[in-house]
Amino acid sequence: MEQQEFEYKFVRLDFSKFIKSSKPAEEEYQNVIQEHAKKGWRLVQIFAPGDGTYGSVRYYEIVLERRVQSSKTP
């Protein structure tokens, strides 16, 4: 069986948190991405689905990936 080369992480940021925050939304999600990048994660996509009410956003879904550390010994 072949070992998976990448692992994925999904971070959901509730948009209502941004409304209550003094920081702009882009600063909040950029901080999340920067913190994960320090741990070896790479941004794949930011997904913000509309809820059907004039296309308003309820949350941001951040998709991250990183290479799986090989457990094979030479």
PDB file of N, CA and C in Angstrom:
ATOM      1  N   MET A   1       0.838  -1.186   0.000  1.00  0.00           N
ATOM      2  CA  MET A   1       0.000   0.000   0.000  1.00  0.00           C
ATOM      3  C   MET A   1       0.881   1.247   0.000  1.00  0.00           C
ATOM      4  N   GLU A   2       0.562   2.178  -0.869  1.00  0.00           N
ATOM      5  CA  GLU A   2       1.333   3.406  -0.987  1.00  0.00           C
ATOM      6  C   GLU A   2       0.945   4.395   0.108  1.00  0.00           C
ATOM      7  N   GLN A   3       1.954   5.024   0.703  1.00  0.00           N
ATOM      8  CA  GLN A   3       1.702   5.999   1.766  1.00  0.00           C
ATOM      9  C   GLN A   3       1.315   7.337   1.147  1.00  0.00           C
ATOM     10  N   GLN A   4       0.396   8.025   1.804  1.00  0.00           N
ATOM     11  CA  GLN A   4      -0.061   9.329   1.324  1.00  0.00           C
ATOM     12  C   GLN A   4       1.089  10.336   1.422  1.00  0.00           C
ATOM     13  N   GLU A   5       1.280  11.127   0.378  1.00  0.00           N
ATOM     14  CA  GLU A   5       2.385  12.080   0.321  1.00  0.00           C
ATOM     15  C   GLU A   5       2.074  13.388   1.056  1.00  0.00           C
ATOM     16  N   PHE A   6       0.792  13.769   1.097  1.00  0.00           N
ATOM     17  CA  PHE A   6       0.396  15.018   1.752  1.00  0.00           C
ATOM     18  C   PHE A   6      -0.706  14.762   2.768  1.00  0.00           C
ATOM     19  N   GLU A   7      -0.763  15.636   3.769  1.00  0.00           N
ATOM     20  CA  GLU A   7      -1.891  15.637   4.686  1.00  0.00           C
ATOM     21  C   GLU A   7      -2.551  17.010   4.565  1.00  0.00           C
ATOM     22  N   TYR A   8      -3.829  17.054   4.888  1.00  0.00           N
ATOM     23  CA  TYR A   8      -4.602  18.280   4.718  1.00  0.00           C
ATOM     24  C   TYR A   8      -5.258  18.683   6.029  1.00  0.00           C
ATOM     25  N   LYS A   9      -5.409  19.983   6.177  1.00  0.00           N
ATOM     26  CA  LYS A   9      -6.049  20.537   7.362  1.00  0.00           C
ATOM     27  C   LYS A   9      -7.054  21.581   6.884  1.00  0.00           C
ATOM     28  N   PHE A  10      -8.218  21.596   7.521  1.00  0.00           N
ATOM     29  CA  PHE A  10      -9.276  22.535   7.166  1.00  0.00           C
ATOM     30  C   PHE A  10      -9.575  23.384   8.399  1.00  0.00           C
ATOM     31  N   VAL A  11      -9.441  24.699   8.247  1.00  0.00           N
ATOM     32  CA  VAL A  11      -9.677  25.617   9.353  1.00  0.00           C
ATOM     33  C   VAL A  11     -10.857  26.494   8.984  1.00  0.00           C
ATOM     34  N   ARG A  12     -11.913  26.418   9.781  1.00  0.00           N
ATOM     35  CA  ARG A  12     -13.111  27.218   9.519  1.00  0.00           C
ATOM     36  C   ARG A  12     -13.090  28.450  10.416  1.00  0.00           C
ATOM     37  N   LEU A  13     -13.250  29.616   9.796  1.00  0.00           N
ATOM     38  CA  LEU A  13     -13.318  30.875  10.530  1.00  0.00           C
ATOM     39  C   LEU A  13     -14.722  31.449  10.359  1.00  0.00           C
ATOM     40  N   ASP A  14     -15.436  31.537  11.457  1.00  0.00           N
ATOM     41  CA  ASP A  14     -16.805  32.032  11.455  1.00  0.00           C
ATOM     42  C   ASP A  14     -16.818  33.530  11.150  1.00  0.00           C
ATOM     43  N   PHE A  15     -17.564  33.920  10.131  1.00  0.00           N
ATOM     44  CA  PHE A  15     -17.588  35.323   9.712  1.00  0.00           C
ATOM     45  C   PHE A  15     -18.145  36.239  10.801  1.00  0.00           C
ATOM     46  N   SER A  16     -19.055  35.734  11.640  1.00  0.00           N
ATOM     47  CA  SER A  16     -19.616  36.576  12.700  1.00  0.00           C
ATOM     48  C   SER A  16     -18.531  37.029  13.679  1.00  0.00           C
ATOM     49  N   LYS A  17     -17.457  36.242  13.803  1.00  0.00           N
ATOM     50  CA  LYS A  17     -16.319  36.630  14.649  1.00  0.00           C
ATOM     51  C   LYS A  17     -15.665  37.898  14.099  1.00  0.00           C
ATOM     52  N   PHE A  18     -15.596  37.995  12.776  1.00  0.00           N
ATOM     53  CA  PHE A  18     -14.971  39.159  12.152  1.00  0.00           C
ATOM     54  C   PHE A  18     -15.786  40.432  12.389  1.00  0.00           C
ATOM     55  N   ILE A  19     -17.083  40.304  12.419  1.00  0.00           N
ATOM     56  CA  ILE A  19     -17.943  41.466  12.625  1.00  0.00           C
ATOM     57  C   ILE A  19     -17.711  42.053  14.010  1.00  0.00           C
ATOM     58  N   LYS A  20     -17.505  41.178  15.002  1.00  0.00           N
ATOM     59  CA  LYS A  20     -17.300  41.619  16.387  1.00  0.00           C
ATOM     60  C   LYS A  20     -15.861  42.056  16.658  1.00  0.00           C
ATOM     61  N   SER A  21     -14.938  41.713  15.784  1.00  0.00           N
ATOM     62  CA  SER A  21     -13.524  42.000  15.983  1.00  0.00           C
ATOM     63  C   SER A  21     -13.175  43.411  15.530  1.00  0.00           C
ATOM     64  N   SER A  22     -12.165  43.975  16.175  1.00  0.00           N
ATOM     65  CA  SER A  22     -11.690  45.302  15.762  1.00  0.00           C
ATOM     66  C   SER A  22     -10.728  45.186  14.575  1.00  0.00           C
ATOM     67  N   LYS A  23     -10.263  43.959  14.283  1.00  0.00           N
ATOM     68  CA  LYS A  23      -9.354  43.741  13.154  1.00  0.00           C
ATOM     69  C   LYS A  23     -10.162  43.447  11.891  1.00  0.00           C
ATOM     70  N   PRO A  24      -9.671  43.872  10.727  1.00  0.00           N
ATOM     71  CA  PRO A  24     -10.339  43.507   9.471  1.00  0.00           C
ATOM     72  C   PRO A  24     -10.254  41.995   9.231  1.00  0.00           C
ATOM     73  N   ALA A  25     -11.228  41.448   8.527  1.00  0.00           N
ATOM     74  CA  ALA A  25     -11.288  40.005   8.267  1.00  0.00           C
ATOM     75  C   ALA A  25     -10.005  39.501   7.623  1.00  0.00           C
ATOM     76  N   GLU A  26      -9.472  40.255   6.652  1.00  0.00           N
ATOM     77  CA  GLU A  26      -8.274  39.774   5.955  1.00  0.00           C
ATOM     78  C   GLU A  26      -7.080  39.665   6.898  1.00  0.00           C
ATOM     79  N   GLU A  27      -7.012  40.516   7.904  1.00  0.00           N
ATOM     80  CA  GLU A  27      -5.921  40.417   8.879  1.00  0.00           C
ATOM     81  C   GLU A  27      -6.074  39.150   9.726  1.00  0.00           C
ATOM     82  N   GLU A  28      -7.295  38.811  10.084  1.00  0.00           N
ATOM     83  CA  GLU A  28      -7.549  37.605  10.879  1.00  0.00           C
ATOM     84  C   GLU A  28      -7.135  36.348  10.123  1.00  0.00           C
ATOM     85  N   TYR A  29      -7.606  36.185   8.889  1.00  0.00           N
ATOM     86  CA  TYR A  29      -7.266  34.955   8.172  1.00  0.00           C
ATOM     87  C   TYR A  29      -5.812  34.924   7.742  1.00  0.00           C
ATOM     88  N   GLN A  30      -5.217  36.084   7.499  1.00  0.00           N
ATOM     89  CA  GLN A  30      -3.792  36.114   7.177  1.00  0.00           C
ATOM     90  C   GLN A  30      -2.958  35.651   8.376  1.00  0.00           C
ATOM     91  N   ASN A  31      -3.363  36.034   9.579  1.00  0.00           N
ATOM     92  CA  ASN A  31      -2.666  35.584  10.785  1.00  0.00           C
ATOM     93  C   ASN A  31      -2.749  34.070  10.931  1.00  0.00           C
ATOM     94  N   VAL A  32      -3.927  33.506  10.664  1.00  0.00           N
ATOM     95  CA  VAL A  32      -4.100  32.053  10.752  1.00  0.00           C
ATOM     96  C   VAL A  32      -3.171  31.360   9.753  1.00  0.00           C
ATOM     97  N   ILE A  33      -3.103  31.861   8.544  1.00  0.00           N
ATOM     98  CA  ILE A  33      -2.249  31.262   7.510  1.00  0.00           C
ATOM     99  C   ILE A  33      -0.777  31.376   7.894  1.00  0.00           C
ATOM    100  N   GLN A  34      -0.356  32.539   8.380  1.00  0.00           N
ATOM    101  CA  GLN A  34       1.044  32.739   8.780  1.00  0.00           C
ATOM    102  C   GLN A  34       1.445  31.797   9.916  1.00  0.00           C
ATOM    103  N   GLU A  35       0.569  31.641  10.905  1.00  0.00           N
ATOM    104  CA  GLU A  35       0.866  30.752  12.032  1.00  0.00           C
ATOM    105  C   GLU A  35       0.995  29.299  11.583  1.00  0.00           C
ATOM    106  N   HIS A  36       0.140  28.871  10.683  1.00  0.00           N
ATOM    107  CA  HIS A  36       0.228  27.497  10.176  1.00  0.00           C
ATOM    108  C   HIS A  36       1.458  27.318   9.279  1.00  0.00           C
ATOM    109  N   ALA A  37       1.821  28.353   8.521  1.00  0.00           N
ATOM    110  CA  ALA A  37       3.003  28.274   7.655  1.00  0.00           C
ATOM    111  C   ALA A  37       4.262  28.037   8.484  1.00  0.00           C
ATOM    112  N   LYS A  38       4.330  28.612   9.674  1.00  0.00           N
ATOM    113  CA  LYS A  38       5.479  28.398  10.558  1.00  0.00           C
ATOM    114  C   LYS A  38       5.598  26.930  10.971  1.00  0.00           C
ATOM    115  N   LYS A  39       4.494  26.200  10.904  1.00  0.00           N
ATOM    116  CA  LYS A  39       4.469  24.786  11.290  1.00  0.00           C
ATOM    117  C   LYS A  39       4.546  23.861  10.073  1.00  0.00           C
ATOM    118  N   GLY A  40       4.850  24.440   8.905  1.00  0.00           N
ATOM    119  CA  GLY A  40       5.047  23.628   7.710  1.00  0.00           C
ATOM    120  C   GLY A  40       3.830  23.481   6.805  1.00  0.00           C
ATOM    121  N   TRP A  41       2.732  24.149   7.131  1.00  0.00           N
ATOM    122  CA  TRP A  41       1.530  24.063   6.303  1.00  0.00           C
ATOM    123  C   TRP A  41       1.611  25.065   5.158  1.00  0.00           C
ATOM    124  N   ARG A  42       1.026  24.703   4.022  1.00  0.00           N
ATOM    125  CA  ARG A  42       0.989  25.553   2.829  1.00  0.00           C
ATOM    126  C   ARG A  42      -0.467  25.808   2.467  1.00  0.00           C
ATOM    127  N   LEU A  43      -0.777  27.060   2.165  1.00  0.00           N
ATOM    128  CA  LEU A  43      -2.136  27.418   1.763  1.00  0.00           C
ATOM    129  C   LEU A  43      -2.466  26.796   0.416  1.00  0.00           C
ATOM    130  N   VAL A  44      -3.621  26.134   0.346  1.00  0.00           N
ATOM    131  CA  VAL A  44      -4.104  25.572  -0.909  1.00  0.00           C
ATOM    132  C   VAL A  44      -5.239  26.446  -1.441  1.00  0.00           C
ATOM    133  N   GLN A  45      -6.178  26.806  -0.553  1.00  0.00           N
ATOM    134  CA  GLN A  45      -7.348  27.554  -1.003  1.00  0.00           C
ATOM    135  C   GLN A  45      -8.052  28.192   0.186  1.00  0.00           C
ATOM    136  N   ILE A  46      -8.697  29.322  -0.073  1.00  0.00           N
ATOM    137  CA  ILE A  46      -9.636  29.914   0.880  1.00  0.00           C
ATOM    138  C   ILE A  46     -10.998  29.843   0.214  1.00  0.00           C
ATOM    139  N   PHE A  47     -11.922  29.200   0.889  1.00  0.00           N
ATOM    140  CA  PHE A  47     -13.256  28.958   0.354  1.00  0.00           C
ATOM    141  C   PHE A  47     -14.243  29.744   1.203  1.00  0.00           C
ATOM    142  N   ALA A  48     -15.089  30.548   0.576  1.00  0.00           N
ATOM    143  CA  ALA A  48     -16.082  31.351   1.294  1.00  0.00           C
ATOM    144  C   ALA A  48     -17.437  31.200   0.597  1.00  0.00           C
ATOM    145  N   PRO A  49     -18.169  30.136   0.934  1.00  0.00           N
ATOM    146  CA  PRO A  49     -19.447  29.910   0.259  1.00  0.00           C
ATOM    147  C   PRO A  49     -20.509  30.912   0.688  1.00  0.00           C
ATOM    148  N   GLY A  50     -21.303  31.360  -0.261  1.00  0.00           N
ATOM    149  CA  GLY A  50     -22.438  32.213   0.052  1.00  0.00           C
ATOM    150  C   GLY A  50     -23.571  31.379   0.617  1.00  0.00           C
ATOM    151  N   ASP A  51     -24.399  31.979   1.443  1.00  0.00           N
ATOM    152  CA  ASP A  51     -25.495  31.215   2.051  1.00  0.00           C
ATOM    153  C   ASP A  51     -26.807  31.361   1.289  1.00  0.00           C
ATOM    154  N   GLY A  52     -26.784  32.048   0.176  1.00  0.00           N
ATOM    155  CA  GLY A  52     -27.993  32.205  -0.615  1.00  0.00           C
ATOM    156  C   GLY A  52     -28.739  33.505  -0.331  1.00  0.00           C
ATOM    157  N   THR A  53     -28.380  34.192   0.731  1.00  0.00           N
ATOM    158  CA  THR A  53     -29.013  35.463   1.063  1.00  0.00           C
ATOM    159  C   THR A  53     -28.150  36.581   0.492  1.00  0.00           C
ATOM    160  N   TYR A  54     -28.404  36.938  -0.724  1.00  0.00           N
ATOM    161  CA  TYR A  54     -27.641  37.963  -1.428  1.00  0.00           C
ATOM    162  C   TYR A  54     -26.150  37.634  -1.491  1.00  0.00           C
ATOM    163  N   GLY A  55     -25.816  36.345  -1.432  1.00  0.00           N
ATOM    164  CA  GLY A  55     -24.426  35.920  -1.542  1.00  0.00           C
ATOM    165  C   GLY A  55     -23.575  36.220  -0.331  1.00  0.00           C
ATOM    166  N   SER A  56     -24.202  36.549   0.796  1.00  0.00           N
ATOM    167  CA  SER A  56     -23.415  36.869   1.988  1.00  0.00           C
ATOM    168  C   SER A  56     -22.661  35.642   2.492  1.00  0.00           C
ATOM    169  N   VAL A  57     -21.543  35.886   3.142  1.00  0.00           N
ATOM    170  CA  VAL A  57     -20.648  34.831   3.597  1.00  0.00           C
ATOM    171  C   VAL A  57     -20.879  34.553   5.080  1.00  0.00           C
ATOM    172  N   ARG A  58     -20.968  33.257   5.432  1.00  0.00           N
ATOM    173  CA  ARG A  58     -21.102  32.874   6.847  1.00  0.00           C
ATOM    174  C   ARG A  58     -19.763  32.505   7.456  1.00  0.00           C
ATOM    175  N   TYR A  59     -18.876  31.942   6.633  1.00  0.00           N
ATOM    176  CA  TYR A  59     -17.576  31.530   7.148  1.00  0.00           C
ATOM    177  C   TYR A  59     -16.560  31.447   6.017  1.00  0.00           C
ATOM    178  N   TYR A  60     -15.301  31.438   6.412  1.00  0.00           N
ATOM    179  CA  TYR A  60     -14.190  31.165   5.513  1.00  0.00           C
ATOM    180  C   TYR A  60     -13.664  29.787   5.874  1.00  0.00           C
ATOM    181  N   GLU A  61     -13.399  28.968   4.880  1.00  0.00           N
ATOM    182  CA  GLU A  61     -12.772  27.666   5.092  1.00  0.00           C
ATOM    183  C   GLU A  61     -11.382  27.757   4.470  1.00  0.00           C
ATOM    184  N   ILE A  62     -10.357  27.608   5.291  1.00  0.00           N
ATOM    185  CA  ILE A  62      -8.975  27.674   4.824  1.00  0.00           C
ATOM    186  C   ILE A  62      -8.484  26.237   4.657  1.00  0.00           C
ATOM    187  N   VAL A  63      -7.988  25.921   3.468  1.00  0.00           N
ATOM    188  CA  VAL A  63      -7.492  24.571   3.182  1.00  0.00           C
ATOM    189  C   VAL A  63      -5.964  24.646   3.125  1.00  0.00           C
ATOM    190  N   LEU A  64      -5.330  23.824   3.960  1.00  0.00           N
ATOM    191  CA  LEU A  64      -3.872  23.806   4.069  1.00  0.00           C
ATOM    192  C   LEU A  64      -3.359  22.400   3.796  1.00  0.00           C
ATOM    193  N   GLU A  65      -2.118  22.309   3.327  1.00  0.00           N
ATOM    194  CA  GLU A  65      -1.503  21.004   3.130  1.00  0.00           C
ATOM    195  C   GLU A  65      -0.049  21.069   3.553  1.00  0.00           C
ATOM    196  N   ARG A  66       0.482  19.898   3.890  1.00  0.00           N
ATOM    197  CA  ARG A  66       1.915  19.767   4.119  1.00  0.00           C
ATOM    198  C   ARG A  66       2.321  18.341   3.785  1.00  0.00           C
ATOM    199  N   ARG A  67       3.576  18.216   3.444  1.00  0.00           N
ATOM    200  CA  ARG A  67       4.118  16.903   3.078  1.00  0.00           C
ATOM    201  C   ARG A  67       4.165  16.036   4.337  1.00  0.00           C
ATOM    202  N   VAL A  68       3.753  14.792   4.194  1.00  0.00           N
ATOM    203  CA  VAL A  68       3.794  13.837   5.293  1.00  0.00           C
ATOM    204  C   VAL A  68       5.243  13.428   5.516  1.00  0.00           C
ATOM    205  N   GLN A  69       5.667  13.456   6.759  1.00  0.00           N
ATOM    206  CA  GLN A  69       7.023  13.029   7.100  1.00  0.00           C
ATOM    207  C   GLN A  69       7.138  11.516   6.906  1.00  0.00           C
ATOM    208  N   SER A  70       8.121  11.101   6.176  1.00  0.00           N
ATOM    209  CA  SER A  70       8.316   9.672   5.910  1.00  0.00           C
ATOM    210  C   SER A  70       8.834   8.979   7.162  1.00  0.00           C
ATOM    211  N   SER A  71       8.231   7.840   7.471  1.00  0.00           N
ATOM    212  CA  SER A  71       8.667   7.064   8.629  1.00  0.00           C
ATOM    213  C   SER A  71       9.624   5.935   8.226  1.00  0.00           C
ATOM    214  N   LYS A  72       9.980   5.902   6.940  1.00  0.00           N
ATOM    215  CA  LYS A  72      10.897   4.874   6.450  1.00  0.00           C
ATOM    216  C   LYS A  72      12.318   5.187   6.913  1.00  0.00           C
ATOM    217  N   THR A  73      13.030   4.163   7.297  1.00  0.00           N
ATOM    218  CA  THR A  73      14.432   4.340   7.673  1.00  0.00           C
ATOM    219  C   THR A  73      15.286   3.756   6.552  1.00  0.00           C
ATOM    220  N   PRO A  74      16.375   4.442   6.197  1.00  0.00           N
ATOM    221  CA  PRO A  74      17.242   3.969   5.090  1.00  0.00           C
ATOM    222  C   PRO A  74      17.962   2.687   5.418  1.00  0.00           C
TER     223      PRO A  74
END
